[in-house]
Amino acid sequence: MTARAIMFMGTGSDVGKSLIVAGLCRAFARRGLKVAPFKPQNMSNNAAVAVDGGEIGRAQHLQALAAGVRPSHHMNPVLLKPESETGAQVIVQGQRRDTLKARDYFKRRMEFLPAITDSFAHLCETHDLVVVEGAGSPAETNLRDGDLANFGFATAAGIPAVLVGDIHRGGVIASIVGTHAVLEEADRRLLKGFLINKFHGDASLFDEGRRDIETRTGLTCLGVVPHFAGARHLPAEDAVALEHDTSVMQGEYKVAVLRLPRIANFDDLDPLRAEPDVSVQFVKEGEALPGDTRLVIIPGSKSTIADLSALRRNGWDIDLAAHHRRGGRILGLCGGYQMLGRRIHDPQGLEGPAQSIDGFGLLDVETTLLPDKTVTETSGTHVPTQTAIRAYEIHLGSTAGPDCDRPFATTGRGADGAISVDGLTMGTYLHGCFASDAFRHAFLAEAGGPASAVAYGHLVESTLDALADHLESHVNLSLLWDLAMAPKTGR
């Protein structure tokens, strides 16, 4: 099978590329095509487990779901998971390859191009259409030499590109025209059209603006896409989404999530946010834990020890102790689970200098960070409610102690997590557990929360269908298919 492929790049980060690609995957799949998403290089701490093993970006996992295909590590062959302001863990074709400072990664990044082209070729051999997502912006001309994420990949693969601009930010004409202007001529020839995203109001009022962009660039407008409100029901790609979260939480059952500096897999909380009678508030640095909180969740972290230290600097350890004394419940997910224990040991310096550090001591367990990473899908049973859970694990470390004798869940791999003697503090390594409806409903009921009939999986599926309908109405899909080309896919 020889696929066609087309790439979507943005005038900047968070312009909606991931959502556009997900919707197009669903729309073209509904036309009978076998579609695959692809992102050559991604930077995100929101990761998922692929069915063929290893980690990929959460957005590519969602896009695969939209396309109706099994998520593969080939869909995101290079995933960078930031561990500090200047360094990241490098995941190549699903497996941890190295931890590199940004400068070192830029020096070595061409080493990863063969893996990228190999994964892309694999998808092209087994699909009709590959929808490719760029990263950041191709207008960052200082990053063009050795680029893997945008035109560097498009040139290597020999595929056309479409530019996506966010009109809600303002300045969309300048961002598209300016991006076109600063490109090298060879890259400019690969750019075939543009999309305007997140439009509010009467789209005909932008007709003159659309024509102005077409005149100045010679590119074809493929559509003006109105804001899609249903996006709030879909997992966000990375923590940028939290910076712009202005949703009003009105549910009576209050859940506070500590916004860690290196927060990871915060989409674990999306099913709770979908509950109409639950308010989920991400508490930011400098803010106190709200006094009416019923449940505090410490989410996953890409750097557990550093984030534990940050929580103490912010005074959240004092807030957690007070919440616990009031009889409030606390749940730690993955790194958050490790923080709730008595000690965390890092004898090999996996997160910095070799050290041991005190945890919050709310669970009688200790964690030792280990170099072998657990990356697996899993299923099991939540012990207190005896409800089924489907989840996944991505973590370094092994946790043990007396409270593990009261596990959070049992899985095919054995016992998971721990529960304190008083039953108020819990920890688990099971990412995505709240997406299991029966478990979520029972967990909330046991914790004094509201009854619910929300079917989260159905909500995501229906939202993807609505997104595809939305794009069918506002994007020229026939022209997109005509623009897509068979790439250079030799392996």
Protein backbone atom coordinates (compact mmCIF):
# COMPACT_ATOMS: atom_id res chain seq x y z
CA MET A 1 0.00 0.00 0.00
CA THR A 2 1.32 3.45 -0.93
CA ALA A 3 -0.17 6.17 1.23
CA ARG A 4 -0.70 9.80 0.54
CA ALA A 5 0.49 12.21 3.20
CA ILE A 6 0.00 15.84 4.11
CA MET A 7 1.48 17.86 6.99
CA PHE A 8 -0.09 20.53 9.18
CA MET A 9 2.19 23.16 10.69
CA GLY A 10 1.25 26.06 12.93
CA THR A 11 2.11 29.72 13.04
CA GLY A 12 2.90 29.01 16.69
CA SER A 13 2.29 26.56 19.51
CA ASP A 14 -1.28 25.86 20.69
CA VAL A 15 -2.99 27.06 17.51
CA GLY A 16 -5.07 23.88 17.37
CA LYS A 17 -2.99 21.61 15.11
CA SER A 18 -3.58 18.52 17.27
CA LEU A 19 -7.33 19.02 17.24
CA ILE A 20 -7.41 19.68 13.48
CA VAL A 21 -5.44 16.49 12.82
CA ALA A 22 -7.70 14.44 15.12
CA GLY A 23 -10.82 15.72 13.38
CA LEU A 24 -9.38 15.09 9.93
CA CYS A 25 -8.37 11.57 10.94
CA ARG A 26 -11.98 10.84 11.93
CA ALA A 27 -13.43 12.59 8.85
CA PHE A 28 -11.24 10.75 6.33
CA ALA A 29 -11.67 7.43 8.17
CA ARG A 30 -15.44 7.84 7.85
CA ARG A 31 -14.87 8.05 4.08
CA GLY A 32 -13.51 4.53 4.12
CA LEU A 33 -9.80 5.32 4.20
CA LYS A 34 -7.29 3.68 6.53
CA VAL A 35 -5.77 6.74 8.20
CA ALA A 36 -2.81 7.15 10.56
CA PRO A 37 -1.64 10.22 12.49
CA PHE A 38 2.06 11.02 12.68
CA LYS A 39 4.14 13.53 14.62
CA PRO A 40 7.87 13.17 13.98
CA GLN A 41 8.99 15.02 17.10
CA ASN A 42 6.83 15.95 20.05
CA MET A 43 7.60 17.66 23.36
CA SER A 44 5.08 16.81 26.04
CA ASN A 45 4.78 15.22 29.46
CA ASN A 46 1.30 13.96 28.57
CA ALA A 47 2.19 10.49 27.33
CA ALA A 48 0.25 7.34 26.57
CA VAL A 49 1.13 3.67 26.10
CA ALA A 50 1.02 2.31 22.55
CA VAL A 51 -0.36 -1.16 21.96
CA ASP A 52 2.92 -2.27 20.35
CA GLY A 53 4.85 -1.13 23.43
CA GLY A 54 6.42 2.13 24.50
CA GLU A 55 5.32 5.72 24.92
CA ILE A 56 3.79 8.19 22.51
CA GLY A 57 2.32 11.65 22.96
CA ARG A 58 -1.22 11.75 24.31
CA ALA A 59 -2.34 13.73 21.24
CA GLN A 60 -1.21 10.98 18.85
CA HIS A 61 -3.00 8.40 20.99
CA LEU A 62 -6.21 10.44 20.66
CA GLN A 63 -5.65 10.91 16.92
CA ALA A 64 -5.28 7.15 16.50
CA LEU A 65 -8.56 6.69 18.36
CA ALA A 66 -10.11 9.23 16.00
CA ALA A 67 -8.78 7.30 13.00
CA GLY A 68 -10.09 4.03 14.39
CA VAL A 69 -6.65 2.38 14.38
CA ARG A 70 -4.43 0.94 17.09
CA PRO A 71 -2.04 3.53 18.55
CA SER A 72 1.53 2.61 17.58
CA HIS A 73 4.90 3.91 18.73
CA HIS A 74 5.54 4.63 15.04
CA MET A 75 3.00 7.49 15.24
CA ASN A 76 5.34 9.57 17.42
CA PRO A 77 8.89 8.23 16.99
CA VAL A 78 10.61 10.99 18.98
CA LEU A 79 8.98 12.17 22.22
CA LEU A 80 10.79 14.67 24.43
CA LYS A 81 9.61 14.69 28.05
CA PRO A 82 10.97 17.78 29.86
CA GLU A 83 12.55 17.01 33.23
CA SER A 84 13.88 20.54 33.89
CA GLU A 85 14.02 23.96 32.28
CA THR A 86 16.99 22.88 30.16
CA GLY A 87 16.76 19.10 29.71
CA ALA A 88 14.42 16.29 28.68
CA GLN A 89 14.10 12.55 28.55
CA VAL A 90 14.37 11.37 24.94
CA ILE A 91 11.94 8.60 23.93
CA VAL A 92 12.75 7.04 20.53
CA GLN A 93 10.24 4.67 18.92
CA GLY A 94 8.59 4.23 22.28
CA GLN A 95 11.68 3.52 24.38
CA ARG A 96 13.76 5.73 26.64
CA ARG A 97 17.00 6.45 24.80
CA ASP A 98 18.67 9.13 26.88
CA THR A 99 18.29 12.23 29.04
CA LEU A 100 19.83 15.25 27.35
CA LYS A 101 20.27 18.93 27.96
CA ALA A 102 18.61 21.01 25.26
CA ARG A 103 21.95 22.08 23.79
CA ASP A 104 23.14 18.47 23.60
CA TYR A 105 19.91 17.34 21.98
CA PHE A 106 20.23 20.01 19.31
CA LYS A 107 23.76 18.87 18.60
CA ARG A 108 22.67 15.24 18.27
CA ARG A 109 19.15 15.48 16.90
CA MET A 110 20.02 14.33 13.38
CA GLU A 111 20.89 10.97 14.96
CA PHE A 112 17.15 10.46 15.40
CA LEU A 113 16.11 11.17 11.80
CA PRO A 114 16.55 7.53 10.68
CA ALA A 115 14.09 6.39 13.36
CA ILE A 116 11.63 9.07 12.25
CA THR A 117 11.82 8.15 8.57
CA ASP A 118 11.62 4.43 9.40
CA SER A 119 8.44 4.92 11.45
CA PHE A 120 6.89 7.14 8.79
CA ALA A 121 7.66 4.60 6.08
CA HIS A 122 6.08 1.87 8.20
CA LEU A 123 2.83 3.84 8.46
CA CYS A 124 2.84 4.66 4.75
CA GLU A 125 3.14 0.98 3.90
CA THR A 126 0.05 0.07 5.89
CA HIS A 127 -2.33 3.03 5.44
CA ASP A 128 -4.07 5.05 2.73
CA LEU A 129 -3.45 8.47 4.28
CA VAL A 130 -0.97 9.71 6.87
CA VAL A 131 -1.90 13.04 8.48
CA VAL A 132 1.27 14.63 9.86
CA GLU A 133 1.42 17.22 12.64
CA GLY A 134 4.31 19.64 13.01
CA ALA A 135 5.52 21.16 16.27
CA GLY A 136 5.90 24.76 17.34
CA SER A 137 6.33 26.94 14.26
CA PRO A 138 8.41 26.69 11.08
CA ALA A 139 8.94 30.46 11.38
CA GLU A 140 11.62 29.78 14.01
CA THR A 141 14.34 30.13 11.40
CA ASN A 142 17.09 29.73 14.00
CA LEU A 143 15.96 26.10 14.39
CA ARG A 144 15.74 25.24 10.68
CA ASP A 145 19.19 23.69 10.39
CA GLY A 146 18.77 20.10 11.55
CA ASP A 147 15.02 20.49 12.00
CA LEU A 148 13.05 17.28 12.57
CA ALA A 149 9.66 18.71 13.49
CA ASN A 150 8.56 20.85 10.55
CA PHE A 151 10.09 21.50 7.13
CA GLY A 152 13.14 19.41 7.93
CA PHE A 153 10.87 16.40 8.05
CA ALA A 154 8.60 17.56 5.19
CA THR A 155 11.67 17.93 2.96
CA ALA A 156 13.07 14.53 3.93
CA ALA A 157 9.69 12.88 3.30
CA GLY A 158 8.83 14.95 0.23
CA ILE A 159 5.33 15.87 1.37
CA PRO A 160 3.23 19.05 1.12
CA ALA A 161 2.28 21.22 4.07
CA VAL A 162 -0.64 23.37 5.23
CA LEU A 163 -0.23 26.28 7.65
CA VAL A 164 -2.69 26.67 10.55
CA GLY A 165 -3.24 30.07 12.15
CA ASP A 166 -5.24 30.95 15.29
CA ILE A 167 -7.41 34.01 14.63
CA HIS A 168 -8.56 34.15 18.27
CA ARG A 169 -5.09 35.37 19.28
CA GLY A 170 -5.24 38.29 16.88
CA GLY A 171 -2.75 39.10 14.14
CA VAL A 172 -3.52 36.00 12.10
CA ILE A 173 -2.87 37.75 8.77
CA ALA A 174 0.57 38.86 9.90
CA SER A 175 1.36 35.44 11.40
CA ILE A 176 0.57 33.57 8.19
CA VAL A 177 2.05 36.10 5.79
CA GLY A 178 5.07 36.58 8.04
CA THR A 179 5.69 32.84 8.34
CA HIS A 180 5.50 32.50 4.57
CA ALA A 181 7.89 35.41 4.11
CA VAL A 182 10.68 34.11 6.34
CA LEU A 183 10.75 30.59 4.90
CA GLU A 184 13.52 29.45 2.64
CA GLU A 185 12.36 29.18 -0.96
CA ALA A 186 12.62 25.38 -1.02
CA ASP A 187 10.40 25.15 2.07
CA ARG A 188 7.98 27.72 0.70
CA ARG A 189 7.39 25.52 -2.35
CA LEU A 190 6.13 22.71 -0.09
CA LEU A 191 3.52 24.99 1.50
CA LYS A 192 0.26 24.57 -0.43
CA GLY A 193 -2.43 26.25 1.65
CA PHE A 194 -3.60 27.62 4.98
CA LEU A 195 -6.38 27.15 7.51
CA ILE A 196 -7.83 29.80 9.82
CA ASN A 197 -8.75 28.24 13.16
CA LYS A 198 -10.83 29.25 16.22
CA PHE A 199 -12.99 31.86 14.46
CA HIS A 200 -15.77 33.52 16.47
CA GLY A 201 -18.73 35.18 14.78
CA ASP A 202 -19.70 35.59 11.13
CA ALA A 203 -16.95 33.99 9.02
CA SER A 204 -17.95 36.05 5.97
CA LEU A 205 -16.55 39.10 7.77
CA PHE A 206 -13.10 37.59 7.21
CA ASP A 207 -13.53 37.18 3.43
CA GLU A 208 -11.38 40.21 2.72
CA GLY A 209 -8.71 39.03 5.15
CA ARG A 210 -8.67 35.60 3.53
CA ARG A 211 -8.25 37.14 0.09
CA ASP A 212 -5.48 39.39 1.38
CA ILE A 213 -3.52 36.37 2.66
CA GLU A 214 -4.05 34.53 -0.64
CA THR A 215 -2.85 37.55 -2.61
CA ARG A 216 0.25 38.11 -0.47
CA THR A 217 1.30 34.44 -0.30
CA GLY A 218 -0.18 32.70 -3.34
CA LEU A 219 -1.53 30.05 -0.97
CA THR A 220 -5.05 28.63 -1.09
CA CYS A 221 -7.40 29.03 1.87
CA LEU A 222 -8.66 25.55 2.74
CA GLY A 223 -11.17 26.79 5.28
CA VAL A 224 -12.11 29.14 8.09
CA VAL A 225 -12.87 26.93 11.08
CA PRO A 226 -15.11 28.30 13.86
CA HIS A 227 -14.21 27.72 17.49
CA PHE A 228 -15.11 24.15 18.50
CA ALA A 229 -16.48 24.26 22.04
CA GLY A 230 -16.43 20.48 22.38
CA ALA A 231 -12.62 20.51 22.54
CA ARG A 232 -12.92 20.74 26.33
CA HIS A 233 -14.04 17.08 26.34
CA LEU A 234 -10.84 15.87 24.65
CA PRO A 235 -7.41 15.35 26.24
CA ALA A 236 -5.03 18.29 25.87
CA GLU A 237 -1.59 17.71 24.35
CA ASP A 238 0.46 19.42 27.05
CA ALA A 239 0.41 21.77 30.02
CA VAL A 240 0.04 24.87 27.83
CA ALA A 241 -3.68 24.13 27.97
CA LEU A 242 -3.70 24.61 31.73
CA GLU A 243 -2.32 28.13 31.37
CA HIS A 244 -5.40 29.11 29.36
CA ASP A 245 -7.99 27.17 31.37
CA THR A 246 -10.68 29.70 32.32
CA SER A 247 -13.54 27.24 32.79
CA VAL A 248 -15.92 27.96 35.66
CA MET A 249 -16.36 25.02 38.02
CA GLN A 250 -19.84 24.89 39.56
CA GLY A 251 -20.17 21.33 40.88
CA GLU A 252 -20.70 20.98 44.62
CA TYR A 253 -18.08 18.26 45.14
CA LYS A 254 -14.74 20.09 45.18
CA VAL A 255 -11.58 18.41 43.88
CA ALA A 256 -8.29 20.31 44.09
CA VAL A 257 -5.38 19.24 41.87
CA LEU A 258 -1.94 20.56 42.74
CA ARG A 259 -0.46 22.17 39.63
CA LEU A 260 3.07 20.76 39.80
CA PRO A 261 5.84 22.62 37.94
CA ARG A 262 6.59 19.43 35.96
CA ILE A 263 3.07 18.04 35.88
CA ALA A 264 2.61 14.95 33.72
CA ASN A 265 -0.45 13.12 32.38
CA PHE A 266 -2.87 15.66 33.83
CA ASP A 267 -5.46 14.33 31.39
CA ASP A 268 -5.97 11.66 34.08
CA LEU A 269 -8.39 14.22 35.55
CA ASP A 270 -10.46 14.80 32.40
CA PRO A 271 -13.13 12.23 33.28
CA LEU A 272 -13.64 13.91 36.67
CA ARG A 273 -13.90 17.29 34.93
CA ALA A 274 -16.66 15.83 32.75
CA GLU A 275 -18.78 15.08 35.82
CA PRO A 276 -21.50 17.77 36.07
CA ASP A 277 -21.58 17.82 39.88
CA VAL A 278 -17.80 17.77 40.38
CA SER A 279 -15.61 20.88 40.35
CA VAL A 280 -11.97 20.24 39.49
CA GLN A 281 -9.65 23.16 40.27
CA PHE A 282 -5.98 23.16 39.35
CA VAL A 283 -4.37 25.04 42.25
CA LYS A 284 -1.47 27.12 40.99
CA GLU A 285 1.78 28.02 42.69
CA GLY A 286 1.18 30.81 45.20
CA GLU A 287 -2.44 29.81 45.79
CA ALA A 288 -3.68 28.15 48.98
CA LEU A 289 -5.57 24.89 48.96
CA PRO A 290 -9.28 25.85 49.07
CA GLY A 291 -10.78 25.14 52.47
CA ASP A 292 -13.92 23.49 51.06
CA THR A 293 -11.96 20.88 49.12
CA ARG A 294 -13.27 17.34 49.55
CA LEU A 295 -10.56 15.51 47.61
CA VAL A 296 -6.97 16.59 46.89
CA ILE A 297 -5.17 14.94 44.00
CA ILE A 298 -1.41 15.08 43.52
CA PRO A 299 -0.97 14.20 39.84
CA GLY A 300 1.90 12.64 37.95
CA SER A 301 5.26 14.36 37.68
CA LYS A 302 8.16 14.13 35.27
CA SER A 303 10.57 14.95 38.10
CA THR A 304 9.15 13.71 41.40
CA ILE A 305 11.89 14.92 43.74
CA ALA A 306 12.06 18.41 42.22
CA ASP A 307 8.28 18.77 42.34
CA LEU A 308 8.14 17.49 45.92
CA SER A 309 10.60 20.22 46.89
CA ALA A 310 8.50 22.78 45.00
CA LEU A 311 5.36 21.71 46.89
CA ARG A 312 7.12 22.34 50.19
CA ARG A 313 8.41 25.75 49.08
CA ASN A 314 4.85 26.66 48.20
CA GLY A 315 3.55 25.60 51.63
CA TRP A 316 1.27 22.93 50.22
CA ASP A 317 2.66 20.38 52.69
CA ILE A 318 1.07 22.45 55.47
CA ASP A 319 -2.20 22.67 53.54
CA LEU A 320 -2.21 18.91 52.93
CA ALA A 321 -1.64 18.17 56.63
CA ALA A 322 -4.52 20.50 57.59
CA HIS A 323 -6.78 18.93 54.95
CA HIS A 324 -5.95 15.48 56.31
CA ARG A 325 -6.67 16.55 59.91
CA ARG A 326 -10.11 17.76 58.78
CA GLY A 327 -10.84 14.27 57.44
CA GLY A 328 -10.28 15.20 53.80
CA ARG A 329 -9.28 12.60 51.25
CA ILE A 330 -5.98 12.63 49.32
CA LEU A 331 -5.09 10.65 46.19
CA GLY A 332 -1.63 10.47 44.67
CA LEU A 333 -1.26 9.40 41.05
CA CYS A 334 2.12 7.94 40.06
CA GLY A 335 4.65 10.62 41.09
CA GLY A 336 2.02 12.01 43.46
CA TYR A 337 1.77 8.56 45.05
CA GLN A 338 5.54 8.51 45.58
CA MET A 339 5.42 11.94 47.25
CA LEU A 340 2.83 10.78 49.78
CA GLY A 341 5.21 8.19 51.25
CA ARG A 342 7.84 8.54 54.00
CA ARG A 343 10.94 8.63 51.78
CA ILE A 344 12.00 8.71 48.13
CA HIS A 345 15.42 7.28 47.31
CA ASP A 346 17.31 8.07 44.12
CA PRO A 347 20.56 6.10 44.59
CA GLN A 348 21.61 6.33 40.92
CA GLY A 349 20.86 10.02 40.46
CA LEU A 350 18.15 9.44 37.86
CA GLU A 351 16.51 12.80 38.68
CA GLY A 352 19.64 14.75 39.59
CA PRO A 353 22.22 14.21 42.35
CA ALA A 354 21.95 10.84 44.09
CA GLN A 355 19.95 11.47 47.26
CA SER A 356 17.09 10.46 49.53
CA ILE A 357 14.37 12.92 50.48
CA ASP A 358 11.50 12.91 52.94
CA GLY A 359 8.00 12.59 51.50
CA PHE A 360 4.82 13.85 53.14
CA GLY A 361 4.57 10.74 55.32
CA LEU A 362 0.82 10.33 54.78
CA LEU A 363 1.39 6.79 53.47
CA ASP A 364 3.66 4.30 55.25
CA VAL A 365 5.65 3.42 52.13
CA GLU A 366 9.03 4.23 50.59
CA THR A 367 9.98 4.52 46.93
CA THR A 368 13.27 3.70 45.25
CA LEU A 369 13.76 5.15 41.77
CA LEU A 370 15.12 2.56 39.34
CA PRO A 371 16.51 2.88 35.80
CA ASP A 372 14.17 0.28 34.30
CA LYS A 373 10.99 2.05 33.26
CA THR A 374 7.58 0.43 33.58
CA VAL A 375 5.52 1.15 30.46
CA THR A 376 2.45 -1.03 30.09
CA GLU A 377 -1.29 -1.14 29.65
CA THR A 378 -3.03 -2.92 32.49
CA SER A 379 -6.40 -3.86 33.88
CA GLY A 380 -7.54 -4.86 37.32
CA THR A 381 -9.93 -4.29 40.18
CA HIS A 382 -10.20 -1.38 42.61
CA VAL A 383 -10.02 -3.15 45.96
CA PRO A 384 -12.33 -0.98 48.14
CA THR A 385 -15.20 -0.93 45.62
CA GLN A 386 -14.47 -4.12 43.67
CA THR A 387 -14.98 -2.29 40.37
CA ALA A 388 -13.04 -2.89 37.17
CA ILE A 389 -10.25 -0.56 36.01
CA ARG A 390 -8.51 -0.29 32.64
CA ALA A 391 -5.41 1.88 32.87
CA TYR A 392 -1.74 2.19 31.97
CA GLU A 393 1.54 2.63 33.82
CA ILE A 394 4.50 4.86 32.94
CA HIS A 395 6.93 5.24 35.82
CA LEU A 396 10.39 4.82 37.23
CA GLY A 397 10.53 3.33 40.68
CA SER A 398 9.32 0.66 43.04
CA THR A 399 7.22 1.41 46.11
CA ALA A 400 6.90 -0.81 49.18
CA GLY A 401 5.84 -0.59 52.83
CA PRO A 402 3.13 -1.59 55.32
CA ASP A 403 0.38 0.42 53.63
CA CYS A 404 0.91 -1.62 50.45
CA ASP A 405 -0.77 -4.44 52.37
CA ARG A 406 -3.94 -2.45 51.70
CA PRO A 407 -3.56 -2.06 47.91
CA PHE A 408 -5.45 0.45 45.84
CA ALA A 409 -6.00 -2.17 43.15
CA THR A 410 -5.10 -5.67 42.08
CA THR A 411 -3.94 -6.17 38.49
CA GLY A 412 -2.54 -8.92 36.34
CA ARG A 413 0.89 -7.78 37.48
CA GLY A 414 -0.01 -8.04 41.18
CA ALA A 415 -1.02 -5.52 43.82
CA ASP A 416 -0.88 -1.81 42.99
CA GLY A 417 -0.70 1.20 45.24
CA ALA A 418 -1.46 1.69 48.92
CA ILE A 419 -4.17 2.97 51.25
CA SER A 420 -3.53 4.43 54.71
CA VAL A 421 -4.88 2.83 57.88
CA ASP A 422 -7.61 5.48 58.18
CA GLY A 423 -8.54 5.04 54.52
CA LEU A 424 -8.25 8.76 53.76
CA THR A 425 -4.96 8.73 51.84
CA MET A 426 -4.47 6.62 48.71
CA GLY A 427 -1.83 6.17 46.06
CA THR A 428 -1.71 4.35 42.73
CA TYR A 429 0.46 3.97 39.65
CA LEU A 430 -2.63 3.50 37.43
CA HIS A 431 -2.82 6.40 34.99
CA GLY A 432 -6.15 6.85 33.26
CA CYS A 433 -8.11 4.93 35.90
CA PHE A 434 -10.88 7.54 36.07
CA ALA A 435 -11.80 6.83 32.45
CA SER A 436 -13.30 3.53 33.71
CA ASP A 437 -16.88 4.57 34.36
CA ALA A 438 -17.87 1.97 36.95
CA PHE A 439 -14.74 2.67 38.99
CA ARG A 440 -15.13 6.46 38.79
CA HIS A 441 -18.77 6.33 39.84
CA ALA A 442 -18.02 3.99 42.75
CA PHE A 443 -14.93 5.93 43.84
CA LEU A 444 -16.89 9.18 43.99
CA ALA A 445 -19.75 7.54 45.87
CA GLU A 446 -17.38 6.01 48.42
CA ALA A 447 -15.75 9.42 48.92
CA GLY A 448 -19.06 11.13 49.57
CA GLY A 449 -19.34 12.46 46.05
CA PRO A 450 -22.27 12.75 43.65
CA ALA A 451 -23.99 9.97 41.75
CA SER A 452 -23.22 9.99 38.05
CA ALA A 453 -24.24 8.36 34.81
CA VAL A 454 -21.51 9.95 32.62
CA ALA A 455 -20.09 7.48 30.08
CA TYR A 456 -16.70 9.03 29.43
CA GLY A 457 -15.63 6.86 26.50
CA HIS A 458 -18.90 7.57 24.71
CA LEU A 459 -18.42 11.29 25.41
CA VAL A 460 -14.99 11.25 23.73
CA GLU A 461 -16.25 9.26 20.74
CA SER A 462 -19.26 11.49 20.20
CA THR A 463 -17.04 14.57 20.51
CA LEU A 464 -14.68 13.21 17.83
CA ASP A 465 -17.67 12.64 15.56
CA ALA A 466 -18.89 16.18 16.22
CA LEU A 467 -15.38 17.50 15.49
CA ALA A 468 -15.30 15.62 12.19
CA ASP A 469 -18.74 17.03 11.31
CA HIS A 470 -17.43 20.50 12.19
CA LEU A 471 -14.45 20.18 9.86
CA GLU A 472 -16.55 18.62 7.09
CA SER A 473 -18.65 21.80 7.16
CA HIS A 474 -15.79 24.30 7.14
CA VAL A 475 -12.75 22.68 5.47
CA ASN A 476 -12.35 21.65 1.83
CA LEU A 477 -11.55 17.99 2.46
CA SER A 478 -11.66 17.10 -1.23
CA LEU A 479 -8.96 19.66 -1.97
CA LEU A 480 -6.92 18.42 0.98
CA TRP A 481 -7.03 14.91 -0.44
CA ASP A 482 -5.98 16.22 -3.85
CA LEU A 483 -3.06 18.12 -2.28
CA ALA A 484 -1.84 15.07 -0.35
CA MET A 485 1.00 13.29 -2.11
CA ALA A 486 2.73 9.94 -2.05
CA PRO A 487 5.91 10.55 -0.04
CA LYS A 488 9.44 9.26 -0.37
CA THR A 489 9.16 6.29 1.98
CA GLY A 490 12.17 4.05 1.39
CA ARG A 491 13.43 2.16 4.42
